[in-house]
N, C-alpha and C. Protein backbone atom coordinates (compact mmCIF):
# COMPACT_ATOMS: atom_id res chain seq x y z
N UNK A 1 -161.58 24.81 148.88
CA UNK A 1 -160.48 25.68 149.27
C UNK A 1 -159.41 24.86 149.98
N UNK A 2 -158.15 25.16 149.72
CA UNK A 2 -157.07 24.40 150.34
C UNK A 2 -156.88 24.80 151.79
N UNK A 3 -156.25 23.91 152.49
CA UNK A 3 -155.98 24.15 153.90
C UNK A 3 -154.90 25.22 154.05
N UNK A 4 -155.07 26.13 155.01
CA UNK A 4 -154.05 27.16 155.25
C UNK A 4 -152.92 26.55 156.06
N UNK A 5 -151.70 26.99 155.79
CA UNK A 5 -150.54 26.44 156.49
C UNK A 5 -150.08 27.39 157.59
N UNK A 6 -149.76 26.80 158.74
CA UNK A 6 -149.20 27.56 159.85
C UNK A 6 -147.69 27.67 159.66
N UNK A 7 -147.11 28.72 160.20
CA UNK A 7 -145.65 28.85 160.18
C UNK A 7 -145.10 27.96 161.29
N UNK A 8 -144.43 26.88 160.90
CA UNK A 8 -144.05 25.84 161.86
C UNK A 8 -143.13 26.34 162.97
N UNK A 9 -142.24 27.26 162.67
CA UNK A 9 -141.33 27.74 163.70
C UNK A 9 -142.07 28.51 164.79
N UNK A 10 -143.15 29.16 164.43
CA UNK A 10 -143.91 29.93 165.42
C UNK A 10 -144.75 29.04 166.33
N UNK A 11 -145.10 27.86 165.86
CA UNK A 11 -145.91 26.95 166.68
C UNK A 11 -145.20 26.61 167.98
N UNK A 12 -143.87 26.58 167.93
CA UNK A 12 -143.09 26.24 169.11
C UNK A 12 -142.82 27.45 170.00
N UNK A 13 -142.88 28.64 169.44
CA UNK A 13 -142.46 29.84 170.16
C UNK A 13 -143.60 30.67 170.72
N UNK A 14 -144.77 30.52 170.15
CA UNK A 14 -145.91 31.35 170.54
C UNK A 14 -147.00 30.46 171.11
N UNK A 15 -147.61 30.88 172.24
CA UNK A 15 -148.73 30.17 172.81
C UNK A 15 -149.91 31.12 172.86
N UNK A 16 -151.08 30.58 172.54
CA UNK A 16 -152.29 31.39 172.60
C UNK A 16 -152.97 31.12 173.93
N UNK A 17 -153.37 32.18 174.63
CA UNK A 17 -154.01 32.03 175.93
C UNK A 17 -155.50 31.75 175.74
N UNK A 18 -156.17 31.48 176.83
CA UNK A 18 -157.60 31.22 176.79
C UNK A 18 -158.40 32.42 176.34
N UNK A 19 -157.86 33.61 176.57
CA UNK A 19 -158.55 34.84 176.18
C UNK A 19 -158.22 35.27 174.76
N UNK A 20 -157.38 34.47 174.07
CA UNK A 20 -157.06 34.77 172.69
C UNK A 20 -155.85 35.65 172.49
N UNK A 21 -155.09 35.90 173.55
CA UNK A 21 -153.88 36.69 173.44
C UNK A 21 -152.70 35.78 173.13
N UNK A 22 -151.65 36.35 172.58
CA UNK A 22 -150.46 35.58 172.20
C UNK A 22 -149.33 35.91 173.16
N UNK A 23 -148.72 34.86 173.74
CA UNK A 23 -147.61 35.02 174.66
C UNK A 23 -146.34 34.50 174.01
N UNK A 24 -145.23 35.19 174.28
CA UNK A 24 -143.95 34.77 173.71
C UNK A 24 -142.85 34.96 174.74
N UNK A 25 -141.79 34.17 174.59
CA UNK A 25 -140.64 34.30 175.46
C UNK A 25 -139.69 35.36 174.93
N UNK A 26 -138.69 35.68 175.73
CA UNK A 26 -137.72 36.69 175.34
C UNK A 26 -136.45 36.03 174.81
N UNK A 27 -135.77 36.72 173.93
CA UNK A 27 -134.49 36.25 173.43
C UNK A 27 -133.36 36.76 174.31
N UNK A 28 -132.17 36.30 174.02
CA UNK A 28 -130.99 36.79 174.74
C UNK A 28 -130.80 36.17 176.10
N UNK A 29 -131.25 34.92 176.29
CA UNK A 29 -131.13 34.30 177.60
C UNK A 29 -130.23 33.06 177.59
N UNK A 30 -129.68 32.70 176.44
CA UNK A 30 -128.97 31.43 176.35
C UNK A 30 -127.48 31.50 176.65
N UNK A 31 -126.81 32.57 176.30
CA UNK A 31 -125.38 32.64 176.56
C UNK A 31 -124.98 34.07 176.89
N UNK A 32 -123.73 34.23 177.33
CA UNK A 32 -123.20 35.52 177.79
C UNK A 32 -124.03 36.08 178.94
N UNK A 33 -124.43 35.21 179.86
CA UNK A 33 -125.26 35.65 180.96
C UNK A 33 -124.46 36.21 182.14
N UNK A 34 -123.15 36.02 182.11
CA UNK A 34 -122.33 36.51 183.22
C UNK A 34 -122.31 38.01 183.31
N UNK A 35 -122.43 38.70 182.17
CA UNK A 35 -122.36 40.15 182.18
C UNK A 35 -123.73 40.80 182.38
N UNK A 36 -124.80 40.00 182.35
CA UNK A 36 -126.14 40.56 182.52
C UNK A 36 -126.50 40.59 183.99
N UNK A 37 -127.22 41.62 184.38
CA UNK A 37 -127.60 41.74 185.78
C UNK A 37 -128.69 40.73 186.13
N UNK A 38 -128.81 40.42 187.42
CA UNK A 38 -129.81 39.46 187.86
C UNK A 38 -131.22 39.94 187.56
N UNK A 39 -131.44 41.24 187.70
CA UNK A 39 -132.78 41.78 187.44
C UNK A 39 -133.13 41.67 185.96
N UNK A 40 -132.14 41.86 185.12
CA UNK A 40 -132.37 41.74 183.67
C UNK A 40 -132.69 40.30 183.29
N UNK A 41 -131.93 39.34 183.85
CA UNK A 41 -132.18 37.94 183.56
C UNK A 41 -133.54 37.50 184.08
N UNK A 42 -133.93 38.02 185.23
CA UNK A 42 -135.23 37.71 185.81
C UNK A 42 -136.37 38.26 184.94
N UNK A 43 -136.16 39.46 184.41
CA UNK A 43 -137.15 40.09 183.54
C UNK A 43 -137.31 39.31 182.23
N UNK A 44 -136.19 38.81 181.72
CA UNK A 44 -136.23 38.05 180.45
C UNK A 44 -136.86 36.67 180.62
N UNK A 45 -136.88 36.18 181.87
CA UNK A 45 -137.42 34.85 182.13
C UNK A 45 -138.94 34.79 181.98
N UNK A 46 -139.61 35.88 182.31
CA UNK A 46 -141.07 35.87 182.29
C UNK A 46 -141.58 36.08 180.86
N UNK A 47 -142.61 35.33 180.46
CA UNK A 47 -143.16 35.53 179.12
C UNK A 47 -143.89 36.87 179.02
N UNK A 48 -144.02 37.37 177.82
CA UNK A 48 -144.72 38.64 177.66
C UNK A 48 -145.74 38.53 176.55
N UNK A 49 -146.69 39.44 176.58
CA UNK A 49 -147.80 39.43 175.63
C UNK A 49 -147.41 40.18 174.36
N UNK A 50 -147.86 39.67 173.23
CA UNK A 50 -147.60 40.33 171.95
C UNK A 50 -148.43 41.61 171.86
N UNK A 51 -147.88 42.61 171.19
CA UNK A 51 -148.61 43.87 171.02
C UNK A 51 -149.76 43.67 170.03
N UNK A 52 -150.60 44.68 169.92
CA UNK A 52 -151.76 44.59 169.02
C UNK A 52 -151.35 44.34 167.58
N UNK A 53 -150.32 45.06 167.13
CA UNK A 53 -149.88 44.92 165.74
C UNK A 53 -149.24 43.56 165.51
N UNK A 54 -148.47 43.07 166.51
CA UNK A 54 -147.88 41.74 166.39
C UNK A 54 -148.98 40.67 166.38
N UNK A 55 -149.99 40.84 167.22
CA UNK A 55 -151.07 39.87 167.33
C UNK A 55 -151.83 39.74 166.01
N UNK A 56 -152.00 40.85 165.32
CA UNK A 56 -152.68 40.84 164.03
C UNK A 56 -151.92 39.98 163.03
N UNK A 57 -150.60 40.11 163.02
CA UNK A 57 -149.75 39.33 162.12
C UNK A 57 -149.72 37.86 162.54
N UNK A 58 -149.67 37.60 163.85
CA UNK A 58 -149.63 36.24 164.34
C UNK A 58 -150.91 35.47 164.01
N UNK A 59 -152.01 36.18 163.98
CA UNK A 59 -153.29 35.56 163.66
C UNK A 59 -153.27 35.01 162.23
N UNK A 60 -152.58 35.70 161.34
CA UNK A 60 -152.46 35.22 159.95
C UNK A 60 -151.48 34.05 159.86
N UNK A 61 -150.40 34.12 160.63
CA UNK A 61 -149.36 33.09 160.54
C UNK A 61 -149.74 31.81 161.26
N UNK A 62 -150.63 31.90 162.26
CA UNK A 62 -151.07 30.73 163.01
C UNK A 62 -152.60 30.61 162.94
N UNK A 63 -153.13 30.23 161.80
CA UNK A 63 -154.60 30.24 161.64
C UNK A 63 -155.33 29.25 162.53
N UNK A 64 -154.68 28.16 162.93
CA UNK A 64 -155.35 27.13 163.73
C UNK A 64 -154.92 27.11 165.18
N UNK A 65 -154.19 28.12 165.61
CA UNK A 65 -153.72 28.14 167.01
C UNK A 65 -154.84 28.53 167.94
């Protein structure tokens, strides 16, 4: 059987935790930050966990993560 390929762009964006959950960063933090509130920018800074349905898809896209 051939080796399964990971989606290379996701390797940089998604991290798998020790418990097997997938963590990802938020978008919308690179520019136009002057109009965003401090609380919003602070909220976007923290990584968040992928939902159950997202995790199912990520497991297929990152077989060796």
